[in-house]
Amino acid sequence: LTPCWALFANAHSSFRAPQTFSYDFTQPTQKLDYERGANYEIGTRWKELRGFSGSVTAWQVDFSDFIELDPLTNIVTNHGAFRSRGVDLVVDAQLGAWARGLCGWSLFGNVTRQESELREGVNEGNDTPFVPAWLAAGGVRYEHRSGAYGLVDAAFRDRSAVLDDNSIHTPDYT
């Protein structure tokens, strides 16, 4: 739209053939389903607007026949279909744009709010395992003209379900 501001949108479709670990060789008539996915996003981003750069993006991921092998138990689980939706906010502030003495210093951060739901089977409507509702990170960075830099940052991950039946949750952490 301008040299500093853009709108964007993306769509993507994917598939993965059935994996050998998900095939029961004792039942040759079984139906083999491909994993299928569709991803969509729309957003806006800006750069160098009075020292600020960033983006806001809304997205959705649809997946069917998601098959996962747990390498510890050697158990294959077909999680079926799920849908994840969310919004991401990313901001970077160059502090030198406001005060010459702060050249090289910047603040950065991002926040994600998402919902993910199993869409079929006995656990339909439950949260998808290991998908937290909130993710956030941020920090302060110093970059020297030579390209050397250092930073201090922190991250937050909200609690999330571990099992398809949502009976166990991970702790949240920072």
N, C-alpha and C. Protein backbone atom coordinates (compact mmCIF):
# COMPACT_ATOMS: atom_id res chain seq x y z
N LEU A 1 0.82 -1.20 0.00
CA LEU A 1 0.00 0.00 0.00
C LEU A 1 0.86 1.25 0.00
N THR A 2 1.95 1.23 0.78
CA THR A 2 2.93 2.30 0.80
C THR A 2 4.29 1.63 0.94
N PRO A 3 5.40 2.38 0.84
CA PRO A 3 6.71 1.76 1.03
C PRO A 3 6.90 1.15 2.43
N CYS A 4 6.09 1.56 3.39
CA CYS A 4 6.24 1.07 4.77
C CYS A 4 5.09 0.18 5.24
N TRP A 5 4.05 0.00 4.43
CA TRP A 5 2.86 -0.71 4.90
C TRP A 5 2.36 -1.68 3.84
N ALA A 6 2.04 -2.90 4.24
CA ALA A 6 1.58 -3.92 3.30
C ALA A 6 0.42 -4.72 3.89
N LEU A 7 -0.43 -5.20 3.03
CA LEU A 7 -1.44 -6.19 3.37
C LEU A 7 -1.02 -7.48 2.68
N PHE A 8 -1.33 -8.63 3.29
CA PHE A 8 -0.97 -9.89 2.66
C PHE A 8 -1.99 -10.96 3.00
N ALA A 9 -2.00 -11.99 2.17
CA ALA A 9 -2.85 -13.15 2.40
C ALA A 9 -2.16 -14.35 1.76
N ASN A 10 -2.31 -15.51 2.38
CA ASN A 10 -1.71 -16.74 1.87
C ASN A 10 -2.69 -17.89 2.06
N ALA A 11 -2.63 -18.84 1.15
CA ALA A 11 -3.40 -20.08 1.27
C ALA A 11 -2.47 -21.22 0.86
N HIS A 12 -2.60 -22.35 1.55
CA HIS A 12 -1.72 -23.48 1.28
C HIS A 12 -2.49 -24.77 1.54
N SER A 13 -2.31 -25.73 0.66
CA SER A 13 -2.92 -27.04 0.84
C SER A 13 -1.83 -28.08 0.79
N SER A 14 -1.94 -29.12 1.63
CA SER A 14 -0.88 -30.12 1.68
C SER A 14 -1.47 -31.51 1.93
N PHE A 15 -0.64 -32.53 1.70
CA PHE A 15 -1.03 -33.89 2.04
C PHE A 15 0.23 -34.66 2.39
N ARG A 16 0.05 -35.75 3.13
CA ARG A 16 1.15 -36.67 3.43
C ARG A 16 0.60 -38.08 3.28
N ALA A 17 1.29 -38.89 2.50
CA ALA A 17 0.86 -40.26 2.29
C ALA A 17 0.89 -41.04 3.61
N PRO A 18 0.08 -42.09 3.72
CA PRO A 18 0.10 -42.89 4.95
C PRO A 18 1.51 -43.42 5.22
N GLN A 19 1.90 -43.42 6.46
CA GLN A 19 3.23 -43.87 6.86
C GLN A 19 3.19 -45.38 7.13
N THR A 20 4.30 -46.04 6.90
CA THR A 20 4.33 -47.50 7.10
C THR A 20 4.01 -47.87 8.53
N PHE A 21 4.36 -47.00 9.51
CA PHE A 21 4.07 -47.34 10.89
C PHE A 21 2.57 -47.29 11.20
N SER A 22 1.77 -46.69 10.33
CA SER A 22 0.34 -46.61 10.57
C SER A 22 -0.44 -47.70 9.83
N TYR A 23 0.26 -48.56 9.10
CA TYR A 23 -0.40 -49.61 8.33
C TYR A 23 -0.36 -50.93 9.09
N ASP A 24 -1.50 -51.55 9.22
CA ASP A 24 -1.61 -52.86 9.87
C ASP A 24 -1.51 -53.92 8.78
N PHE A 25 -0.36 -54.55 8.65
CA PHE A 25 -0.13 -55.51 7.57
C PHE A 25 -0.97 -56.77 7.72
N THR A 26 -1.60 -56.98 8.87
CA THR A 26 -2.46 -58.15 9.06
C THR A 26 -3.86 -57.90 8.49
N GLN A 27 -4.18 -56.65 8.11
CA GLN A 27 -5.49 -56.31 7.56
C GLN A 27 -5.31 -55.57 6.22
N PRO A 28 -5.01 -56.31 5.15
CA PRO A 28 -4.71 -55.66 3.87
C PRO A 28 -5.89 -54.91 3.25
N THR A 29 -7.11 -55.10 3.76
CA THR A 29 -8.27 -54.40 3.18
C THR A 29 -8.55 -53.07 3.87
N GLN A 30 -7.71 -52.69 4.84
CA GLN A 30 -7.97 -51.45 5.56
C GLN A 30 -7.90 -50.24 4.64
N LYS A 31 -8.63 -49.23 5.01
CA LYS A 31 -8.64 -47.98 4.25
C LYS A 31 -7.44 -47.13 4.69
N LEU A 32 -6.67 -46.65 3.74
CA LEU A 32 -5.54 -45.79 4.04
C LEU A 32 -5.89 -44.35 3.67
N ASP A 33 -5.92 -43.48 4.66
CA ASP A 33 -6.26 -42.09 4.43
C ASP A 33 -5.01 -41.22 4.43
N TYR A 34 -4.93 -40.35 3.47
CA TYR A 34 -3.86 -39.37 3.44
C TYR A 34 -4.13 -38.30 4.50
N GLU A 35 -3.08 -37.85 5.16
CA GLU A 35 -3.23 -36.65 5.99
C GLU A 35 -3.42 -35.49 5.03
N ARG A 36 -4.34 -34.62 5.35
CA ARG A 36 -4.58 -33.46 4.50
C ARG A 36 -4.61 -32.21 5.37
N GLY A 37 -4.07 -31.14 4.83
CA GLY A 37 -4.06 -29.89 5.56
C GLY A 37 -4.38 -28.71 4.66
N ALA A 38 -4.94 -27.68 5.26
CA ALA A 38 -5.21 -26.42 4.56
C ALA A 38 -4.92 -25.29 5.54
N ASN A 39 -4.09 -24.35 5.12
CA ASN A 39 -3.68 -23.22 5.96
C ASN A 39 -4.06 -21.93 5.26
N TYR A 40 -4.55 -20.97 6.06
CA TYR A 40 -4.93 -19.66 5.53
C TYR A 40 -4.44 -18.59 6.50
N GLU A 41 -4.01 -17.47 5.94
CA GLU A 41 -3.67 -16.34 6.79
C GLU A 41 -3.93 -15.04 6.04
N ILE A 42 -4.22 -14.00 6.83
CA ILE A 42 -4.40 -12.67 6.28
C ILE A 42 -3.85 -11.71 7.33
N GLY A 43 -3.19 -10.67 6.86
CA GLY A 43 -2.63 -9.75 7.84
C GLY A 43 -2.12 -8.47 7.22
N THR A 44 -1.49 -7.70 8.08
CA THR A 44 -0.87 -6.44 7.67
C THR A 44 0.46 -6.32 8.39
N ARG A 45 1.41 -5.70 7.74
CA ARG A 45 2.71 -5.45 8.38
C ARG A 45 3.19 -4.05 8.00
N TRP A 46 3.96 -3.49 8.90
CA TRP A 46 4.52 -2.17 8.66
C TRP A 46 5.97 -2.19 9.11
N LYS A 47 6.77 -1.28 8.56
CA LYS A 47 8.19 -1.22 8.93
C LYS A 47 8.63 0.24 9.02
N GLU A 48 9.48 0.46 9.99
CA GLU A 48 10.11 1.78 10.17
C GLU A 48 9.11 2.92 10.18
N LEU A 49 8.06 2.79 10.95
CA LEU A 49 7.09 3.85 11.12
C LEU A 49 7.37 4.49 12.48
N ARG A 50 8.16 5.59 12.47
CA ARG A 50 8.59 6.28 13.69
C ARG A 50 9.27 5.33 14.67
N GLY A 51 10.09 4.42 14.13
CA GLY A 51 10.84 3.48 14.95
C GLY A 51 10.13 2.17 15.20
N PHE A 52 8.88 2.07 14.78
CA PHE A 52 8.11 0.84 15.00
C PHE A 52 8.05 0.00 13.73
N SER A 53 8.14 -1.31 13.91
CA SER A 53 7.88 -2.28 12.85
C SER A 53 7.04 -3.37 13.49
N GLY A 54 6.24 -4.05 12.68
CA GLY A 54 5.46 -5.13 13.25
C GLY A 54 4.44 -5.68 12.29
N SER A 55 3.62 -6.58 12.80
CA SER A 55 2.58 -7.19 11.99
C SER A 55 1.45 -7.70 12.88
N VAL A 56 0.29 -7.83 12.27
CA VAL A 56 -0.87 -8.46 12.88
C VAL A 56 -1.39 -9.46 11.85
N THR A 57 -1.53 -10.73 12.26
CA THR A 57 -1.92 -11.78 11.33
C THR A 57 -3.01 -12.65 11.95
N ALA A 58 -4.06 -12.91 11.21
CA ALA A 58 -5.08 -13.88 11.61
C ALA A 58 -4.88 -15.11 10.74
N TRP A 59 -5.01 -16.29 11.34
CA TRP A 59 -4.74 -17.52 10.59
C TRP A 59 -5.65 -18.65 11.03
N GLN A 60 -5.73 -19.65 10.15
CA GLN A 60 -6.51 -20.87 10.43
C GLN A 60 -5.80 -22.05 9.78
N VAL A 61 -5.75 -23.18 10.49
CA VAL A 61 -5.18 -24.42 9.99
C VAL A 61 -6.24 -25.51 10.18
N ASP A 62 -6.58 -26.20 9.11
CA ASP A 62 -7.47 -27.35 9.17
C ASP A 62 -6.67 -28.59 8.80
N PHE A 63 -6.84 -29.67 9.56
CA PHE A 63 -6.09 -30.89 9.31
C PHE A 63 -7.01 -32.08 9.47
N SER A 64 -6.83 -33.11 8.64
CA SER A 64 -7.60 -34.34 8.79
C SER A 64 -6.66 -35.53 8.82
N ASP A 65 -7.07 -36.57 9.51
CA ASP A 65 -6.31 -37.81 9.62
C ASP A 65 -4.87 -37.59 10.05
N PHE A 66 -4.71 -36.78 11.08
CA PHE A 66 -3.38 -36.51 11.61
C PHE A 66 -2.89 -37.72 12.39
N ILE A 67 -1.87 -38.40 11.87
CA ILE A 67 -1.35 -39.63 12.47
C ILE A 67 -0.01 -39.33 13.14
N GLU A 68 0.15 -39.81 14.36
CA GLU A 68 1.36 -39.53 15.12
C GLU A 68 1.86 -40.81 15.78
N LEU A 69 3.15 -41.09 15.66
CA LEU A 69 3.78 -42.23 16.32
C LEU A 69 4.51 -41.71 17.55
N ASP A 70 4.19 -42.25 18.71
CA ASP A 70 4.92 -41.91 19.93
C ASP A 70 6.14 -42.82 19.98
N PRO A 71 7.35 -42.25 19.83
CA PRO A 71 8.55 -43.10 19.76
C PRO A 71 8.87 -43.80 21.09
N LEU A 72 8.35 -43.30 22.19
CA LEU A 72 8.62 -43.94 23.49
C LEU A 72 7.76 -45.17 23.71
N THR A 73 6.49 -45.09 23.31
CA THR A 73 5.58 -46.22 23.53
C THR A 73 5.36 -47.05 22.28
N ASN A 74 5.80 -46.54 21.13
CA ASN A 74 5.61 -47.18 19.83
C ASN A 74 4.12 -47.38 19.51
N ILE A 75 3.29 -46.45 20.00
CA ILE A 75 1.86 -46.48 19.76
C ILE A 75 1.51 -45.41 18.74
N VAL A 76 0.71 -45.82 17.74
CA VAL A 76 0.27 -44.91 16.69
C VAL A 76 -1.11 -44.38 17.07
N THR A 77 -1.29 -43.08 16.99
CA THR A 77 -2.58 -42.46 17.27
C THR A 77 -3.03 -41.66 16.06
N ASN A 78 -4.25 -41.88 15.62
CA ASN A 78 -4.85 -41.03 14.60
C ASN A 78 -5.72 -40.03 15.35
N HIS A 79 -5.27 -38.79 15.41
CA HIS A 79 -5.99 -37.75 16.14
C HIS A 79 -7.20 -37.26 15.35
N GLY A 80 -7.38 -37.76 14.13
CA GLY A 80 -8.52 -37.33 13.32
C GLY A 80 -8.32 -35.93 12.80
N ALA A 81 -9.39 -35.18 12.80
CA ALA A 81 -9.35 -33.82 12.26
C ALA A 81 -9.26 -32.81 13.40
N PHE A 82 -8.58 -31.71 13.12
CA PHE A 82 -8.57 -30.60 14.07
C PHE A 82 -8.53 -29.29 13.32
N ARG A 83 -8.94 -28.24 14.01
CA ARG A 83 -8.90 -26.88 13.46
C ARG A 83 -8.24 -25.99 14.50
N SER A 84 -7.27 -25.22 14.05
CA SER A 84 -6.62 -24.21 14.90
C SER A 84 -6.84 -22.85 14.27
N ARG A 85 -7.18 -21.88 15.12
CA ARG A 85 -7.35 -20.49 14.67
C ARG A 85 -6.62 -19.60 15.63
N GLY A 86 -6.08 -18.50 15.10
CA GLY A 86 -5.39 -17.61 16.00
C GLY A 86 -5.07 -16.26 15.40
N VAL A 87 -4.50 -15.43 16.26
CA VAL A 87 -4.05 -14.10 15.88
C VAL A 87 -2.66 -13.91 16.46
N ASP A 88 -1.74 -13.40 15.64
CA ASP A 88 -0.38 -13.09 16.07
C ASP A 88 -0.15 -11.59 15.98
N LEU A 89 0.49 -11.05 17.00
CA LEU A 89 0.92 -9.65 17.01
C LEU A 89 2.42 -9.64 17.25
N VAL A 90 3.17 -8.97 16.37
CA VAL A 90 4.62 -8.87 16.47
C VAL A 90 4.99 -7.39 16.42
N VAL A 91 5.83 -6.93 17.37
CA VAL A 91 6.23 -5.52 17.42
C VAL A 91 7.73 -5.42 17.69
N ASP A 92 8.38 -4.49 17.01
CA ASP A 92 9.78 -4.18 17.23
C ASP A 92 9.89 -2.66 17.30
N ALA A 93 10.51 -2.14 18.35
CA ALA A 93 10.65 -0.69 18.52
C ALA A 93 12.13 -0.33 18.60
N GLN A 94 12.60 0.45 17.63
CA GLN A 94 13.98 0.94 17.62
C GLN A 94 14.04 2.21 18.47
N LEU A 95 14.62 2.10 19.66
CA LEU A 95 14.61 3.21 20.61
C LEU A 95 15.44 4.40 20.13
N GLY A 96 16.40 4.16 19.26
CA GLY A 96 17.21 5.24 18.71
C GLY A 96 16.41 6.22 17.86
N ALA A 97 15.23 5.83 17.41
CA ALA A 97 14.36 6.73 16.63
C ALA A 97 13.83 7.85 17.51
N TRP A 98 13.84 7.69 18.83
CA TRP A 98 13.30 8.70 19.74
C TRP A 98 14.38 9.47 20.47
N ALA A 99 15.55 8.85 20.68
CA ALA A 99 16.64 9.54 21.39
C ALA A 99 17.97 9.01 20.87
N ARG A 100 18.82 9.92 20.41
CA ARG A 100 20.11 9.55 19.83
C ARG A 100 20.94 8.67 20.77
N GLY A 101 20.87 8.91 22.07
CA GLY A 101 21.63 8.13 23.05
C GLY A 101 21.20 6.67 23.14
N LEU A 102 20.06 6.35 22.55
CA LEU A 102 19.55 4.97 22.60
C LEU A 102 19.78 4.22 21.28
N CYS A 103 20.57 4.80 20.37
CA CYS A 103 20.85 4.14 19.09
C CYS A 103 21.43 2.75 19.34
N GLY A 104 20.93 1.79 18.62
CA GLY A 104 21.37 0.40 18.77
C GLY A 104 20.48 -0.41 19.70
N TRP A 105 19.70 0.27 20.54
CA TRP A 105 18.82 -0.42 21.50
C TRP A 105 17.44 -0.59 20.90
N SER A 106 16.81 -1.72 21.17
CA SER A 106 15.44 -1.95 20.70
C SER A 106 14.70 -2.85 21.67
N LEU A 107 13.39 -2.76 21.61
CA LEU A 107 12.49 -3.64 22.35
C LEU A 107 11.74 -4.47 21.32
N PHE A 108 11.46 -5.72 21.65
CA PHE A 108 10.73 -6.58 20.71
C PHE A 108 9.79 -7.48 21.49
N GLY A 109 8.74 -7.90 20.81
CA GLY A 109 7.80 -8.80 21.46
C GLY A 109 6.80 -9.39 20.48
N ASN A 110 6.21 -10.48 20.89
CA ASN A 110 5.14 -11.10 20.11
C ASN A 110 4.16 -11.80 21.05
N VAL A 111 2.91 -11.83 20.63
CA VAL A 111 1.84 -12.49 21.38
C VAL A 111 1.00 -13.29 20.39
N THR A 112 0.66 -14.51 20.76
CA THR A 112 -0.23 -15.35 19.96
C THR A 112 -1.39 -15.78 20.83
N ARG A 113 -2.59 -15.61 20.32
CA ARG A 113 -3.80 -16.13 20.95
C ARG A 113 -4.38 -17.13 19.97
N GLN A 114 -4.60 -18.37 20.44
CA GLN A 114 -5.08 -19.40 19.52
C GLN A 114 -6.07 -20.33 20.20
N GLU A 115 -6.92 -20.91 19.38
CA GLU A 115 -7.85 -21.94 19.80
C GLU A 115 -7.64 -23.12 18.86
N SER A 116 -7.59 -24.32 19.41
CA SER A 116 -7.43 -25.50 18.59
C SER A 116 -8.36 -26.58 19.11
N GLU A 117 -9.12 -27.16 18.21
CA GLU A 117 -10.18 -28.09 18.62
C GLU A 117 -10.17 -29.34 17.77
N LEU A 118 -10.32 -30.50 18.44
CA LEU A 118 -10.51 -31.75 17.72
C LEU A 118 -11.89 -31.72 17.08
N ARG A 119 -11.99 -32.17 15.83
CA ARG A 119 -13.22 -31.98 15.05
C ARG A 119 -13.99 -33.27 14.76
N GLU A 120 -13.50 -34.41 15.24
CA GLU A 120 -14.23 -35.65 15.00
C GLU A 120 -13.84 -36.69 16.04
N GLY A 121 -14.64 -37.74 16.13
CA GLY A 121 -14.34 -38.84 17.04
C GLY A 121 -14.91 -38.60 18.43
N VAL A 122 -14.55 -39.48 19.36
CA VAL A 122 -15.10 -39.42 20.72
C VAL A 122 -14.67 -38.17 21.47
N ASN A 123 -13.57 -37.55 21.06
CA ASN A 123 -13.08 -36.34 21.74
C ASN A 123 -13.40 -35.06 20.97
N GLU A 124 -14.35 -35.14 20.06
CA GLU A 124 -14.74 -33.96 19.28
C GLU A 124 -15.11 -32.81 20.21
N GLY A 125 -14.59 -31.64 19.91
CA GLY A 125 -14.86 -30.46 20.73
C GLY A 125 -13.81 -30.19 21.79
N ASN A 126 -12.97 -31.18 22.08
CA ASN A 126 -11.90 -30.98 23.07
C ASN A 126 -10.74 -30.21 22.46
N ASP A 127 -9.91 -29.64 23.34
CA ASP A 127 -8.70 -28.95 22.90
C ASP A 127 -7.74 -29.95 22.26
N THR A 128 -7.02 -29.51 21.23
CA THR A 128 -5.99 -30.33 20.61
C THR A 128 -4.80 -30.42 21.57
N PRO A 129 -4.23 -31.61 21.77
CA PRO A 129 -3.10 -31.73 22.69
C PRO A 129 -1.92 -30.83 22.31
N PHE A 130 -1.28 -30.31 23.35
CA PHE A 130 -0.05 -29.53 23.25
C PHE A 130 -0.20 -28.23 22.46
N VAL A 131 -1.40 -27.66 22.46
CA VAL A 131 -1.62 -26.37 21.80
C VAL A 131 -2.11 -25.38 22.87
N PRO A 132 -1.21 -24.53 23.38
CA PRO A 132 -1.61 -23.57 24.41
C PRO A 132 -2.46 -22.44 23.83
N ALA A 133 -3.33 -21.88 24.66
CA ALA A 133 -4.18 -20.77 24.21
C ALA A 133 -3.37 -19.48 24.04
N TRP A 134 -2.34 -19.30 24.84
CA TRP A 134 -1.52 -18.08 24.78
C TRP A 134 -0.05 -18.44 24.69
N LEU A 135 0.67 -17.71 23.84
CA LEU A 135 2.13 -17.73 23.76
C LEU A 135 2.59 -16.28 23.70
N ALA A 136 3.67 -15.98 24.38
CA ALA A 136 4.20 -14.61 24.33
C ALA A 136 5.71 -14.64 24.55
N ALA A 137 6.38 -13.68 23.96
CA ALA A 137 7.82 -13.53 24.15
C ALA A 137 8.17 -12.07 23.94
N GLY A 138 9.25 -11.65 24.55
CA GLY A 138 9.70 -10.27 24.36
C GLY A 138 11.04 -10.06 25.03
N GLY A 139 11.61 -8.91 24.74
CA GLY A 139 12.90 -8.61 25.34
C GLY A 139 13.48 -7.30 24.88
N VAL A 140 14.73 -7.12 25.25
CA VAL A 140 15.50 -5.93 24.88
C VAL A 140 16.76 -6.41 24.16
N ARG A 141 17.18 -5.64 23.14
CA ARG A 141 18.33 -6.04 22.33
C ARG A 141 19.22 -4.82 22.12
N TYR A 142 20.54 -5.06 22.08
CA TYR A 142 21.49 -4.02 21.67
C TYR A 142 22.27 -4.56 20.49
N GLU A 143 22.32 -3.77 19.40
CA GLU A 143 23.07 -4.16 18.22
C GLU A 143 24.10 -3.09 17.90
N HIS A 144 25.36 -3.49 17.87
CA HIS A 144 26.46 -2.59 17.54
C HIS A 144 26.53 -2.42 16.01
N ARG A 145 27.11 -1.31 15.56
CA ARG A 145 27.24 -1.05 14.11
C ARG A 145 27.98 -2.18 13.39
N SER A 146 28.85 -2.89 14.10
CA SER A 146 29.61 -3.98 13.50
C SER A 146 28.75 -5.19 13.18
N GLY A 147 27.55 -5.24 13.73
CA GLY A 147 26.66 -6.38 13.54
C GLY A 147 26.60 -7.29 14.76
N ALA A 148 27.52 -7.12 15.70
CA ALA A 148 27.47 -7.90 16.94
C ALA A 148 26.28 -7.42 17.77
N TYR A 149 25.63 -8.34 18.43
CA TYR A 149 24.46 -7.96 19.22
C TYR A 149 24.33 -8.85 20.45
N GLY A 150 23.54 -8.39 21.38
CA GLY A 150 23.20 -9.17 22.56
C GLY A 150 21.75 -8.89 22.92
N LEU A 151 21.13 -9.82 23.61
CA LEU A 151 19.74 -9.61 23.99
C LEU A 151 19.41 -10.36 25.27
N VAL A 152 18.36 -9.88 25.91
CA VAL A 152 17.78 -10.55 27.07
C VAL A 152 16.30 -10.69 26.74
N ASP A 153 15.79 -11.92 26.86
CA ASP A 153 14.38 -12.09 26.52
C ASP A 153 13.71 -13.07 27.48
N ALA A 154 12.41 -13.12 27.41
CA ALA A 154 11.61 -14.02 28.22
C ALA A 154 10.47 -14.54 27.36
N ALA A 155 9.95 -15.70 27.73
CA ALA A 155 8.84 -16.30 26.98
C ALA A 155 7.81 -16.86 27.95
N PHE A 156 6.57 -16.88 27.51
CA PHE A 156 5.47 -17.45 28.29
C PHE A 156 4.73 -18.44 27.42
N ARG A 157 4.43 -19.60 27.97
CA ARG A 157 3.62 -20.62 27.29
C ARG A 157 2.52 -21.03 28.25
N ASP A 158 1.28 -20.85 27.82
CA ASP A 158 0.12 -21.18 28.64
C ASP A 158 0.00 -22.70 28.79
N ARG A 159 -0.76 -23.14 29.77
CA ARG A 159 -0.99 -24.56 29.95
C ARG A 159 -1.74 -25.10 28.75
N SER A 160 -1.59 -26.41 28.50
CA SER A 160 -2.28 -27.03 27.38
C SER A 160 -2.59 -28.48 27.71
N ALA A 161 -3.59 -29.03 27.03
CA ALA A 161 -3.96 -30.42 27.22
C ALA A 161 -2.84 -31.33 26.73
N VAL A 162 -2.69 -32.48 27.37
CA VAL A 162 -1.71 -33.47 26.96
C VAL A 162 -2.38 -34.63 26.22
N LEU A 163 -3.57 -34.98 26.64
CA LEU A 163 -4.30 -36.10 26.05
C LEU A 163 -5.52 -35.60 25.28
N ASP A 164 -5.97 -36.42 24.31
CA ASP A 164 -7.15 -36.05 23.52
C ASP A 164 -8.40 -35.84 24.38
N ASP A 165 -8.48 -36.53 25.53
CA ASP A 165 -9.67 -36.37 26.38
C ASP A 165 -9.54 -35.16 27.32
N ASN A 166 -8.45 -34.42 27.22
CA ASN A 166 -8.20 -33.20 28.01
C ASN A 166 -8.14 -33.45 29.51
N SER A 167 -7.86 -34.69 29.92
CA SER A 167 -7.84 -35.03 31.34
C SER A 167 -6.55 -34.61 32.03
N ILE A 168 -5.49 -34.39 31.30
CA ILE A 168 -4.21 -33.96 31.86
C ILE A 168 -3.73 -32.74 31.10
N HIS A 169 -3.18 -31.76 31.84
CA HIS A 169 -2.67 -30.52 31.24
C HIS A 169 -1.22 -30.30 31.63
N THR A 170 -0.47 -29.67 30.74
CA THR A 170 0.88 -29.23 31.08
C THR A 170 0.78 -28.02 31.98
N PRO A 171 1.80 -27.73 32.76
CA PRO A 171 1.80 -26.44 33.48
C PRO A 171 2.12 -25.31 32.52
N ASP A 172 1.75 -24.08 32.88
CA ASP A 172 2.21 -22.95 32.09
C ASP A 172 3.60 -22.59 32.60
N TYR A 173 4.36 -21.84 31.85
CA TYR A 173 5.69 -21.45 32.31
C TYR A 173 6.12 -20.13 31.67
N THR A 174 7.04 -19.47 32.35
CA THR A 174 7.67 -18.27 31.82
C THR A 174 9.17 -18.47 31.86
